């Protein structure tokens, strides 16, 4: 669902705020470089690097995003074509 949201920073910061310590935010999105991800209703092109960037400790100071611990990060391939078409992430707030 993140690819459809205009203000991802607000949504991620709210999820960070309301999750209890140890709570897990689970996300599955189309891989941003997959041809099917380039739709006019998608505001974000998301790759594994996009989530990895949220690990930065100084991210709030510079960009206004809260910092997350990434528990699991996978690029999922299509069984038929072998191309990456989804990104799966489990993360928990770094508080």
Protein backbone atom coordinates (compact mmCIF):
# COMPACT_ATOMS: atom_id res chain seq x y z
CA UNK A 1 0.00 0.00 0.00
CA UNK A 2 2.92 2.40 0.50
CA UNK A 3 3.33 2.89 -3.23
CA UNK A 4 -0.14 4.54 -3.33
CA UNK A 5 0.47 7.02 -0.50
CA UNK A 6 1.44 10.58 -1.26
CA UNK A 7 2.85 11.44 2.22
CA UNK A 8 4.76 8.29 3.17
CA UNK A 9 6.81 10.16 5.77
CA UNK A 10 3.68 10.97 7.77
CA UNK A 11 2.36 7.38 7.58
CA UNK A 12 5.67 5.79 8.58
CA UNK A 13 6.16 8.27 11.44
CA UNK A 14 2.61 7.55 12.71
CA UNK A 15 3.22 3.79 12.54
CA UNK A 16 6.49 4.34 14.41
CA UNK A 17 4.59 6.36 17.06
CA UNK A 18 1.74 3.89 17.69
CA UNK A 19 3.64 0.60 17.55
CA UNK A 20 4.54 -0.74 20.96
CA UNK A 21 8.16 -1.74 21.60
CA UNK A 22 8.66 -5.04 19.82
CA UNK A 23 5.68 -4.39 17.52
CA UNK A 24 6.33 -5.30 13.88
CA UNK A 25 5.24 -3.37 10.79
CA UNK A 26 4.97 -5.76 7.83
CA UNK A 27 5.00 -4.39 4.28
CA UNK A 28 4.79 -5.97 0.83
CA UNK A 29 5.00 -3.66 -2.18
CA UNK A 30 5.69 -3.95 -5.92
CA UNK A 31 9.41 -3.77 -6.68
CA UNK A 32 9.99 -0.22 -7.92
CA UNK A 33 12.10 -1.22 -10.95
CA UNK A 34 9.63 -3.89 -12.14
CA UNK A 35 7.71 -2.76 -15.23
CA UNK A 36 4.36 -3.43 -13.52
CA UNK A 37 5.20 -0.99 -10.71
CA UNK A 38 5.25 2.01 -13.06
CA UNK A 39 1.58 2.91 -12.88
CA UNK A 40 0.14 6.42 -12.65
CA UNK A 41 -1.49 5.59 -9.29
CA UNK A 42 1.88 4.76 -7.70
CA UNK A 43 3.58 7.71 -6.00
CA UNK A 44 6.60 5.72 -4.79
CA UNK A 45 9.06 3.44 -6.61
CA UNK A 46 10.19 1.20 -3.77
CA UNK A 47 13.21 -1.11 -3.73
CA UNK A 48 15.02 -2.91 -0.90
CA UNK A 49 17.38 0.09 -0.74
CA UNK A 50 14.37 2.30 0.07
CA UNK A 51 13.74 0.35 3.28
CA UNK A 52 17.44 -0.04 4.09
CA UNK A 53 17.68 3.77 4.10
CA UNK A 54 15.22 3.86 7.05
CA UNK A 55 17.89 2.21 9.26
CA UNK A 56 19.93 5.41 9.39
CA UNK A 57 20.26 6.83 12.89
CA UNK A 58 20.41 10.43 11.63
CA UNK A 59 17.43 10.11 9.29
CA UNK A 60 15.08 12.13 11.53
CA UNK A 61 17.56 14.98 11.92
CA UNK A 62 18.12 15.34 8.18
CA UNK A 63 14.91 14.10 6.57
CA UNK A 64 12.17 13.90 9.22
CA UNK A 65 11.70 10.12 9.08
CA UNK A 66 11.83 8.09 12.28
CA UNK A 67 14.47 5.35 12.40
CA UNK A 68 13.52 1.66 12.10
CA UNK A 69 15.19 -1.67 12.82
CA UNK A 70 14.85 -3.91 9.76
CA UNK A 71 14.11 -7.48 10.84
CA UNK A 72 13.62 -9.02 7.41
CA UNK A 73 14.07 -7.62 3.92
CA UNK A 74 13.49 -9.70 0.80
CA UNK A 75 13.22 -9.13 -2.92
CA UNK A 76 10.68 -11.67 -4.21
CA UNK A 77 11.12 -13.13 -7.69
CA UNK A 78 8.40 -14.21 -10.09
CA UNK A 79 8.41 -18.01 -10.42
CA UNK A 80 7.92 -17.90 -14.18
CA UNK A 81 10.14 -15.03 -15.33
CA UNK A 82 12.67 -14.95 -12.49
CA UNK A 83 12.51 -11.15 -12.32
CA UNK A 84 12.09 -9.35 -8.99
CA UNK A 85 8.53 -8.09 -8.70
CA UNK A 86 7.91 -7.50 -4.96
CA UNK A 87 9.74 -6.28 -1.88
CA UNK A 88 8.82 -7.67 1.53
CA UNK A 89 9.92 -5.96 4.74
CA UNK A 90 9.40 -6.49 8.46
CA UNK A 91 10.54 -3.64 10.65
CA UNK A 92 10.18 -2.41 14.20
CA UNK A 93 10.54 1.15 15.54
CA UNK A 94 13.96 2.11 16.87
CA UNK A 95 13.06 4.00 20.03
